[in-house]
PDB file of N, CA and C in Angstrom:
ATOM      1  N   UNK A   1       0.848  -1.169   0.000  1.00  0.00           N
ATOM      2  CA  UNK A   1       0.000   0.000   0.000  1.00  0.00           C
ATOM      3  C   UNK A   1       0.892   1.230   0.000  1.00  0.00           C
ATOM      4  N   UNK A   2       0.612   2.126  -0.899  1.00  0.00           N
ATOM      5  CA  UNK A   2       1.335   3.387  -0.959  1.00  0.00           C
ATOM      6  C   UNK A   2       0.381   4.533  -0.710  1.00  0.00           C
ATOM      7  N   UNK A   3       0.840   5.527   0.016  1.00  0.00           N
ATOM      8  CA  UNK A   3       0.007   6.683   0.330  1.00  0.00           C
ATOM      9  C   UNK A   3       0.850   7.933   0.152  1.00  0.00           C
ATOM     10  N   UNK A   4       0.238   8.964  -0.444  1.00  0.00           N
ATOM     11  CA  UNK A   4       0.922  10.243  -0.565  1.00  0.00           C
ATOM     12  C   UNK A   4      -0.111  11.344  -0.682  1.00  0.00           C
ATOM     13  N   UNK A   5       0.217  12.505  -0.189  1.00  0.00           N
ATOM     14  CA  UNK A   5      -0.653  13.670  -0.358  1.00  0.00           C
ATOM     15  C   UNK A   5      -0.358  14.372  -1.683  1.00  0.00           C
ATOM     16  N   UNK A   6       0.658  13.896  -2.400  1.00  0.00           N
ATOM     17  CA  UNK A   6       1.054  14.486  -3.679  1.00  0.00           C
ATOM     18  C   UNK A   6       0.444  13.690  -4.829  1.00  0.00           C
ATOM     19  N   UNK A   7      -0.377  14.342  -5.633  1.00  0.00           N
ATOM     20  CA  UNK A   7      -0.996  13.686  -6.777  1.00  0.00           C
ATOM     21  C   UNK A   7       0.064  13.143  -7.735  1.00  0.00           C
ATOM     22  N   UNK A   8       1.113  13.913  -7.978  1.00  0.00           N
ATOM     23  CA  UNK A   8       2.162  13.462  -8.889  1.00  0.00           C
ATOM     24  C   UNK A   8       2.873  12.226  -8.337  1.00  0.00           C
ATOM     25  N   UNK A   9       3.059  12.149  -7.038  1.00  0.00           N
ATOM     26  CA  UNK A   9       3.682  10.976  -6.434  1.00  0.00           C
ATOM     27  C   UNK A   9       2.772   9.755  -6.545  1.00  0.00           C
ATOM     28  N   UNK A  10       1.470   9.939  -6.347  1.00  0.00           N
ATOM     29  CA  UNK A  10       0.521   8.835  -6.523  1.00  0.00           C
ATOM     30  C   UNK A  10       0.574   8.351  -7.972  1.00  0.00           C
ATOM     31  N   UNK A  11       0.567   9.278  -8.925  1.00  0.00           N
ATOM     32  CA  UNK A  11       0.666   8.921 -10.336  1.00  0.00           C
ATOM     33  C   UNK A  11       1.951   8.138 -10.598  1.00  0.00           C
ATOM     34  N   UNK A  12       3.067   8.598 -10.049  1.00  0.00           N
ATOM     35  CA  UNK A  12       4.352   7.926 -10.252  1.00  0.00           C
ATOM     36  C   UNK A  12       4.321   6.502  -9.708  1.00  0.00           C
ATOM     37  N   UNK A  13       3.717   6.311  -8.531  1.00  0.00           N
ATOM     38  CA  UNK A  13       3.641   4.969  -7.947  1.00  0.00           C
ATOM     39  C   UNK A  13       2.793   4.037  -8.811  1.00  0.00           C
ATOM     40  N   UNK A  14       1.686   4.559  -9.354  1.00  0.00           N
ATOM     41  CA  UNK A  14       0.826   3.738 -10.205  1.00  0.00           C
ATOM     42  C   UNK A  14       1.558   3.373 -11.493  1.00  0.00           C
ATOM     43  N   UNK A  15       2.217   4.341 -12.124  1.00  0.00           N
ATOM     44  CA  UNK A  15       2.972   4.075 -13.362  1.00  0.00           C
ATOM     45  C   UNK A  15       4.095   3.079 -13.089  1.00  0.00           C
ATOM     46  N   UNK A  16       4.706   3.151 -11.901  1.00  0.00           N
ATOM     47  CA  UNK A  16       5.804   2.237 -11.554  1.00  0.00           C
ATOM     48  C   UNK A  16       5.316   0.818 -11.280  1.00  0.00           C
ATOM     49  N   UNK A  17       3.991   0.644 -11.214  1.00  0.00           N
ATOM     50  CA  UNK A  17       3.453  -0.697 -11.021  1.00  0.00           C
ATOM     51  C   UNK A  17       3.243  -1.105  -9.581  1.00  0.00           C
ATOM     52  N   UNK A  18       3.219  -0.139  -8.675  1.00  0.00           N
ATOM     53  CA  UNK A  18       3.030  -0.480  -7.264  1.00  0.00           C
ATOM     54  C   UNK A  18       1.582  -0.826  -6.937  1.00  0.00           C
ATOM     55  N   UNK A  19       0.672  -0.539  -7.854  1.00  0.00           N
ATOM     56  CA  UNK A  19      -0.727  -0.858  -7.598  1.00  0.00           C
ATOM     57  C   UNK A  19      -1.635  -0.072  -8.511  1.00  0.00           C
ATOM     58  N   UNK A  20      -2.913  -0.065  -8.158  1.00  0.00           N
ATOM     59  CA  UNK A  20      -3.890   0.696  -8.913  1.00  0.00           C
ATOM     60  C   UNK A  20      -4.411   1.821  -8.034  1.00  0.00           C
ATOM     61  N   UNK A  21      -5.007   2.813  -8.665  1.00  0.00           N
ATOM     62  CA  UNK A  21      -5.563   3.905  -7.886  1.00  0.00           C
ATOM     63  C   UNK A  21      -6.299   4.874  -8.769  1.00  0.00           C
ATOM     64  N   UNK A  22      -7.116   5.720  -8.155  1.00  0.00           N
ATOM     65  CA  UNK A  22      -7.866   6.702  -8.925  1.00  0.00           C
ATOM     66  C   UNK A  22      -7.001   7.915  -9.259  1.00  0.00           C
ATOM     67  N   UNK A  23      -7.076   8.328 -10.495  1.00  0.00           N
ATOM     68  CA  UNK A  23      -6.424   9.564 -10.932  1.00  0.00           C
ATOM     69  C   UNK A  23      -7.449  10.392 -11.698  1.00  0.00           C
ATOM     70  N   UNK A  24      -7.398  11.700 -11.573  1.00  0.00           N
ATOM     71  CA  UNK A  24      -8.277  12.523 -12.401  1.00  0.00           C
ATOM     72  C   UNK A  24      -8.008  12.224 -13.882  1.00  0.00           C
ATOM     73  N   UNK A  25      -9.062  12.239 -14.674  1.00  0.00           N
ATOM     74  CA  UNK A  25      -8.927  11.895 -16.095  1.00  0.00           C
ATOM     75  C   UNK A  25      -7.889  12.754 -16.799  1.00  0.00           C
ATOM     76  N   UNK A  26      -7.857  14.048 -16.497  1.00  0.00           N
ATOM     77  CA  UNK A  26      -6.904  14.923 -17.183  1.00  0.00           C
ATOM     78  C   UNK A  26      -5.461  14.621 -16.770  1.00  0.00           C
ATOM     79  N   UNK A  27      -5.257  14.045 -15.599  1.00  0.00           N
ATOM     80  CA  UNK A  27      -3.913  13.695 -15.150  1.00  0.00           C
ATOM     81  C   UNK A  27      -3.435  12.422 -15.845  1.00  0.00           C
ATOM     82  N   UNK A  28      -4.333  11.458 -16.013  1.00  0.00           N
ATOM     83  CA  UNK A  28      -3.964  10.163 -16.596  1.00  0.00           C
ATOM     84  C   UNK A  28      -4.016  10.139 -18.117  1.00  0.00           C
ATOM     85  N   UNK A  29      -4.636  11.133 -18.736  1.00  0.00           N
ATOM     86  CA  UNK A  29      -4.873  11.109 -20.187  1.00  0.00           C
ATOM     87  C   UNK A  29      -3.612  10.834 -20.999  1.00  0.00           C
ATOM     88  N   UNK A  30      -2.527  11.531 -20.736  1.00  0.00           N
ATOM     89  CA  UNK A  30      -1.292  11.338 -21.515  1.00  0.00           C
ATOM     90  C   UNK A  30      -0.708   9.943 -21.286  1.00  0.00           C
ATOM     91  N   UNK A  31      -0.713   9.473 -20.042  1.00  0.00           N
ATOM     92  CA  UNK A  31      -0.172   8.149 -19.746  1.00  0.00           C
ATOM     93  C   UNK A  31      -1.000   7.059 -20.429  1.00  0.00           C
ATOM     94  N   UNK A  32      -2.306   7.259 -20.509  1.00  0.00           N
ATOM     95  CA  UNK A  32      -3.162   6.295 -21.219  1.00  0.00           C
ATOM     96  C   UNK A  32      -2.830   6.332 -22.706  1.00  0.00           C
ATOM     97  N   UNK A  33      -2.703   7.529 -23.270  1.00  0.00           N
ATOM     98  CA  UNK A  33      -2.378   7.662 -24.695  1.00  0.00           C
ATOM     99  C   UNK A  33      -1.012   7.053 -25.020  1.00  0.00           C
ATOM    100  N   UNK A  34      -0.068   7.154 -24.085  1.00  0.00           N
ATOM    101  CA  UNK A  34       1.281   6.606 -24.286  1.00  0.00           C
ATOM    102  C   UNK A  34       1.367   5.116 -23.971  1.00  0.00           C
ATOM    103  N   UNK A  35       0.259   4.519 -23.509  1.00  0.00           N
ATOM    104  CA  UNK A  35       0.249   3.095 -23.197  1.00  0.00           C
ATOM    105  C   UNK A  35       0.867   2.732 -21.857  1.00  0.00           C
ATOM    106  N   UNK A  36       1.124   3.736 -21.023  1.00  0.00           N
ATOM    107  CA  UNK A  36       1.727   3.471 -19.710  1.00  0.00           C
ATOM    108  C   UNK A  36       0.676   3.091 -18.676  1.00  0.00           C
ATOM    109  N   UNK A  37      -0.552   3.559 -18.867  1.00  0.00           N
ATOM    110  CA  UNK A  37      -1.674   3.238 -17.986  1.00  0.00           C
ATOM    111  C   UNK A  37      -2.856   2.847 -18.849  1.00  0.00           C
ATOM    112  N   UNK A  38      -3.797   2.157 -18.260  1.00  0.00           N
ATOM    113  CA  UNK A  38      -5.038   1.871 -18.964  1.00  0.00           C
ATOM    114  C   UNK A  38      -6.177   2.021 -17.977  1.00  0.00           C
ATOM    115  N   UNK A  39      -7.295   2.381 -18.540  1.00  0.00           N
ATOM    116  CA  UNK A  39      -8.471   2.640 -17.732  1.00  0.00           C
ATOM    117  C   UNK A  39      -9.179   1.339 -17.374  1.00  0.00           C
ATOM    118  N   UNK A  40      -9.622   1.252 -16.137  1.00  0.00           N
ATOM    119  CA  UNK A  40     -10.387   0.099 -15.674  1.00  0.00           C
ATOM    120  C   UNK A  40     -11.876   0.412 -15.752  1.00  0.00           C
ATOM    121  N   UNK A  41     -12.711  -0.622 -15.896  1.00  0.00           N
ATOM    122  CA  UNK A  41     -14.154  -0.375 -15.918  1.00  0.00           C
ATOM    123  C   UNK A  41     -14.622   0.148 -14.555  1.00  0.00           C
ATOM    124  N   UNK A  42     -15.718   0.859 -14.510  1.00  0.00           N
ATOM    125  CA  UNK A  42     -16.676   1.104 -15.581  1.00  0.00           C
ATOM    126  C   UNK A  42     -16.205   2.241 -16.491  1.00  0.00           C
ATOM    127  N   UNK A  43     -16.368   2.066 -17.781  1.00  0.00           N
ATOM    128  CA  UNK A  43     -15.890   3.031 -18.753  1.00  0.00           C
ATOM    129  C   UNK A  43     -16.880   4.173 -18.975  1.00  0.00           C
ATOM    130  N   UNK A  44     -18.169   3.879 -18.878  1.00  0.00           N
ATOM    131  CA  UNK A  44     -19.181   4.876 -19.222  1.00  0.00           C
ATOM    132  C   UNK A  44     -19.546   5.808 -18.073  1.00  0.00           C
ATOM    133  N   UNK A  45     -19.530   5.322 -16.870  1.00  0.00           N
ATOM    134  CA  UNK A  45     -19.930   6.146 -15.723  1.00  0.00           C
ATOM    135  C   UNK A  45     -18.961   5.928 -14.572  1.00  0.00           C
ATOM    136  N   UNK A  46     -17.757   6.519 -14.673  1.00  0.00           N
ATOM    137  CA  UNK A  46     -16.793   6.312 -13.587  1.00  0.00           C
ATOM    138  C   UNK A  46     -17.298   6.942 -12.288  1.00  0.00           C
ATOM    139  N   UNK A  47     -16.900   6.378 -11.165  1.00  0.00           N
ATOM    140  CA  UNK A  47     -17.349   6.930  -9.886  1.00  0.00           C
ATOM    141  C   UNK A  47     -16.763   8.328  -9.670  1.00  0.00           C
ATOM    142  N   UNK A  48     -17.532   9.164  -9.042  1.00  0.00           N
ATOM    143  CA  UNK A  48     -17.047  10.499  -8.694  1.00  0.00           C
ATOM    144  C   UNK A  48     -16.116  10.385  -7.492  1.00  0.00           C
ATOM    145  N   UNK A  49     -15.056  11.136  -7.523  1.00  0.00           N
ATOM    146  CA  UNK A  49     -14.103  11.145  -6.415  1.00  0.00           C
ATOM    147  C   UNK A  49     -13.972  12.580  -5.935  1.00  0.00           C
ATOM    148  N   UNK A  50     -14.294  12.794  -4.684  1.00  0.00           N
ATOM    149  CA  UNK A  50     -14.219  14.140  -4.117  1.00  0.00           C
ATOM    150  C   UNK A  50     -12.774  14.497  -3.815  1.00  0.00           C
ATOM    151  N   UNK A  51     -12.446  15.750  -4.021  1.00  0.00           N
ATOM    152  CA  UNK A  51     -11.133  16.284  -3.676  1.00  0.00           C
ATOM    153  C   UNK A  51     -11.367  17.432  -2.709  1.00  0.00           C
ATOM    154  N   UNK A  52     -10.644  17.426  -1.616  1.00  0.00           N
ATOM    155  CA  UNK A  52     -10.839  18.411  -0.561  1.00  0.00           C
ATOM    156  C   UNK A  52      -9.597  19.278  -0.405  1.00  0.00           C
ATOM    157  N   UNK A  53      -9.794  20.514  -0.034  1.00  0.00           N
ATOM    158  CA  UNK A  53      -8.713  21.410   0.341  1.00  0.00           C
ATOM    159  C   UNK A  53      -8.674  21.440   1.864  1.00  0.00           C
ATOM    160  N   UNK A  54      -7.608  20.915   2.424  1.00  0.00           N
ATOM    161  CA  UNK A  54      -7.460  20.872   3.882  1.00  0.00           C
ATOM    162  C   UNK A  54      -6.371  21.838   4.306  1.00  0.00           C
ATOM    163  N   UNK A  55      -6.625  22.550   5.366  1.00  0.00           N
ATOM    164  CA  UNK A  55      -5.627  23.461   5.916  1.00  0.00           C
ATOM    165  C   UNK A  55      -5.574  23.287   7.425  1.00  0.00           C
ATOM    166  N   UNK A  56      -4.481  23.697   7.991  1.00  0.00           N
ATOM    167  CA  UNK A  56      -4.316  23.661   9.447  1.00  0.00           C
ATOM    168  C   UNK A  56      -4.410  25.096   9.955  1.00  0.00           C
ATOM    169  N   UNK A  57      -5.507  25.443  10.593  1.00  0.00           N
ATOM    170  CA  UNK A  57      -5.664  26.827  11.050  1.00  0.00           C
ATOM    171  C   UNK A  57      -4.662  27.230  12.125  1.00  0.00           C
ATOM    172  N   UNK A  58      -4.004  26.262  12.748  1.00  0.00           N
ATOM    173  CA  UNK A  58      -3.026  26.570  13.794  1.00  0.00           C
ATOM    174  C   UNK A  58      -1.614  26.777  13.243  1.00  0.00           C
ATOM    175  N   UNK A  59      -1.418  26.519  11.953  1.00  0.00           N
ATOM    176  CA  UNK A  59      -0.088  26.657  11.359  1.00  0.00           C
ATOM    177  C   UNK A  59       0.175  28.117  11.004  1.00  0.00           C
ATOM    178  N   UNK A  60       1.328  28.602  11.399  1.00  0.00           N
ATOM    179  CA  UNK A  60       1.730  29.956  11.019  1.00  0.00           C
ATOM    180  C   UNK A  60       2.196  29.919   9.564  1.00  0.00           C
ATOM    181  N   UNK A  61       1.631  30.795   8.736  1.00  0.00           N
ATOM    182  CA  UNK A  61       1.999  30.833   7.324  1.00  0.00           C
ATOM    183  C   UNK A  61       2.705  32.138   7.000  1.00  0.00           C
ATOM    184  N   UNK A  62       3.617  32.071   6.017  1.00  0.00           N
ATOM    185  CA  UNK A  62       4.252  33.301   5.551  1.00  0.00           C
ATOM    186  C   UNK A  62       3.322  33.990   4.552  1.00  0.00           C
ATOM    187  N   UNK A  63       3.715  35.156   4.067  1.00  0.00           N
ATOM    188  CA  UNK A  63       2.846  35.925   3.171  1.00  0.00           C
ATOM    189  C   UNK A  63       2.531  35.176   1.884  1.00  0.00           C
ATOM    190  N   UNK A  64       3.502  34.484   1.336  1.00  0.00           N
ATOM    191  CA  UNK A  64       3.278  33.744   0.090  1.00  0.00           C
ATOM    192  C   UNK A  64       2.279  32.608   0.291  1.00  0.00           C
ATOM    193  N   UNK A  65       2.416  31.894   1.397  1.00  0.00           N
ATOM    194  CA  UNK A  65       1.477  30.802   1.693  1.00  0.00           C
ATOM    195  C   UNK A  65       0.067  31.342   1.910  1.00  0.00           C
ATOM    196  N   UNK A  66      -0.042  32.447   2.624  1.00  0.00           N
ATOM    197  CA  UNK A  66      -1.355  33.063   2.858  1.00  0.00           C
ATOM    198  C   UNK A  66      -1.983  33.505   1.540  1.00  0.00           C
ATOM    199  N   UNK A  67      -1.180  34.109   0.666  1.00  0.00           N
ATOM    200  CA  UNK A  67      -1.695  34.578  -0.626  1.00  0.00           C
ATOM    201  C   UNK A  67      -2.143  33.407  -1.485  1.00  0.00           C
ATOM    202  N   UNK A  68      -1.370  32.331  -1.517  1.00  0.00           N
ATOM    203  CA  UNK A  68      -1.736  31.154  -2.298  1.00  0.00           C
ATOM    204  C   UNK A  68      -3.034  30.549  -1.783  1.00  0.00           C
ATOM    205  N   UNK A  69      -3.121  30.339  -0.482  1.00  0.00           N
ATOM    206  CA  UNK A  69      -4.331  29.757   0.098  1.00  0.00           C
ATOM    207  C   UNK A  69      -5.539  30.654  -0.148  1.00  0.00           C
ATOM    208  N   UNK A  70      -5.379  31.939   0.029  1.00  0.00           N
ATOM    209  CA  UNK A  70      -6.471  32.883  -0.203  1.00  0.00           C
ATOM    210  C   UNK A  70      -6.925  32.836  -1.666  1.00  0.00           C
ATOM    211  N   UNK A  71      -5.976  32.774  -2.591  1.00  0.00           N
ATOM    212  CA  UNK A  71      -6.311  32.698  -4.009  1.00  0.00           C
ATOM    213  C   UNK A  71      -7.057  31.426  -4.367  1.00  0.00           C
ATOM    214  N   UNK A  72      -6.616  30.311  -3.830  1.00  0.00           N
ATOM    215  CA  UNK A  72      -7.286  29.024  -4.093  1.00  0.00           C
ATOM    216  C   UNK A  72      -8.700  29.044  -3.518  1.00  0.00           C
ATOM    217  N   UNK A  73      -8.838  29.522  -2.300  1.00  0.00           N
ATOM    218  CA  UNK A  73     -10.163  29.585  -1.674  1.00  0.00           C
ATOM    219  C   UNK A  73     -11.097  30.512  -2.453  1.00  0.00           C
ATOM    220  N   UNK A  74     -10.576  31.620  -2.968  1.00  0.00           N
ATOM    221  CA  UNK A  74     -11.396  32.544  -3.755  1.00  0.00           C
ATOM    222  C   UNK A  74     -11.849  31.884  -5.053  1.00  0.00           C
ATOM    223  N   UNK A  75     -10.941  31.169  -5.719  1.00  0.00           N
ATOM    224  CA  UNK A  75     -11.318  30.475  -6.960  1.00  0.00           C
ATOM    225  C   UNK A  75     -12.396  29.427  -6.709  1.00  0.00           C
ATOM    226  N   UNK A  76     -12.262  28.687  -5.624  1.00  0.00           N
ATOM    227  CA  UNK A  76     -13.278  27.683  -5.285  1.00  0.00           C
ATOM    228  C   UNK A  76     -14.611  28.364  -5.024  1.00  0.00           C
ATOM    229  N   UNK A  77     -14.599  29.441  -4.260  1.00  0.00           N
ATOM    230  CA  UNK A  77     -15.836  30.127  -3.893  1.00  0.00           C
ATOM    231  C   UNK A  77     -16.539  30.740  -5.104  1.00  0.00           C
ATOM    232  N   UNK A  78     -15.777  31.233  -6.067  1.00  0.00           N
ATOM    233  CA  UNK A  78     -16.402  31.919  -7.204  1.00  0.00           C
ATOM    234  C   UNK A  78     -16.718  30.994  -8.373  1.00  0.00           C
ATOM    235  N   UNK A  79     -16.309  29.739  -8.303  1.00  0.00           N
ATOM    236  CA  UNK A  79     -16.588  28.783  -9.372  1.00  0.00           C
ATOM    237  C   UNK A  79     -17.781  27.926  -8.984  1.00  0.00           C
ATOM    238  N   UNK A  80     -18.877  28.007  -9.745  1.00  0.00           N
ATOM    239  CA  UNK A  80     -20.042  27.186  -9.418  1.00  0.00           C
ATOM    240  C   UNK A  80     -19.691  25.696  -9.428  1.00  0.00           C
ATOM    241  N   UNK A  81     -20.372  24.935  -8.584  1.00  0.00           N
ATOM    242  CA  UNK A  81     -20.086  23.517  -8.449  1.00  0.00           C
ATOM    243  C   UNK A  81     -20.123  22.798  -9.794  1.00  0.00           C
ATOM    244  N   UNK A  82     -21.119  23.075 -10.625  1.00  0.00           N
ATOM    245  CA  UNK A  82     -21.223  22.366 -11.912  1.00  0.00           C
ATOM    246  C   UNK A  82     -20.021  22.647 -12.818  1.00  0.00           C
ATOM    247  N   UNK A  83     -19.324  23.767 -12.618  1.00  0.00           N
ATOM    248  CA  UNK A  83     -18.135  24.069 -13.400  1.00  0.00           C
ATOM    249  C   UNK A  83     -16.880  23.412 -12.829  1.00  0.00           C
ATOM    250  N   UNK A  84     -16.987  22.838 -11.639  1.00  0.00           N
ATOM    251  CA  UNK A  84     -15.859  22.146 -11.023  1.00  0.00           C
ATOM    252  C   UNK A  84     -15.943  20.638 -11.220  1.00  0.00           C
ATOM    253  N   UNK A  85     -16.958  20.184 -11.927  1.00  0.00           N
ATOM    254  CA  UNK A  85     -17.156  18.760 -12.194  1.00  0.00           C
ATOM    255  C   UNK A  85     -17.021  18.545 -13.688  1.00  0.00           C
ATOM    256  N   UNK A  86     -16.287  17.543 -14.075  1.00  0.00           N
ATOM    257  CA  UNK A  86     -16.147  17.279 -15.503  1.00  0.00           C
ATOM    258  C   UNK A  86     -16.446  15.816 -15.779  1.00  0.00           C
ATOM    259  N   UNK A  87     -16.798  15.557 -16.985  1.00  0.00           N
ATOM    260  CA  UNK A  87     -17.010  14.174 -17.426  1.00  0.00           C
ATOM    261  C   UNK A  87     -16.033  13.903 -18.543  1.00  0.00           C
ATOM    262  N   UNK A  88     -15.814  12.636 -18.815  1.00  0.00           N
ATOM    263  CA  UNK A  88     -14.868  12.297 -19.870  1.00  0.00           C
ATOM    264  C   UNK A  88     -15.568  12.423 -21.188  1.00  0.00           C
TER     265      UNK A  88
END
């Protein structure tokens, strides 16, 4: 079992053959096209996978970290839910 909070690290572990796992379609698209990964069923209606933004309110952040977090939170807040969901 491999676990990482880094999407790129999870992708690397799957490509390396350590196991299977869910990847966003746009992340896996090139690897599928290159024959490094293949999609598992169900092909027509893949399960939805929620992605969460987690923060530690007790962590002291520098100005750059605060600006990044604020920008991400603003983008989430101003983007309607239906625009944050995609289908293949």
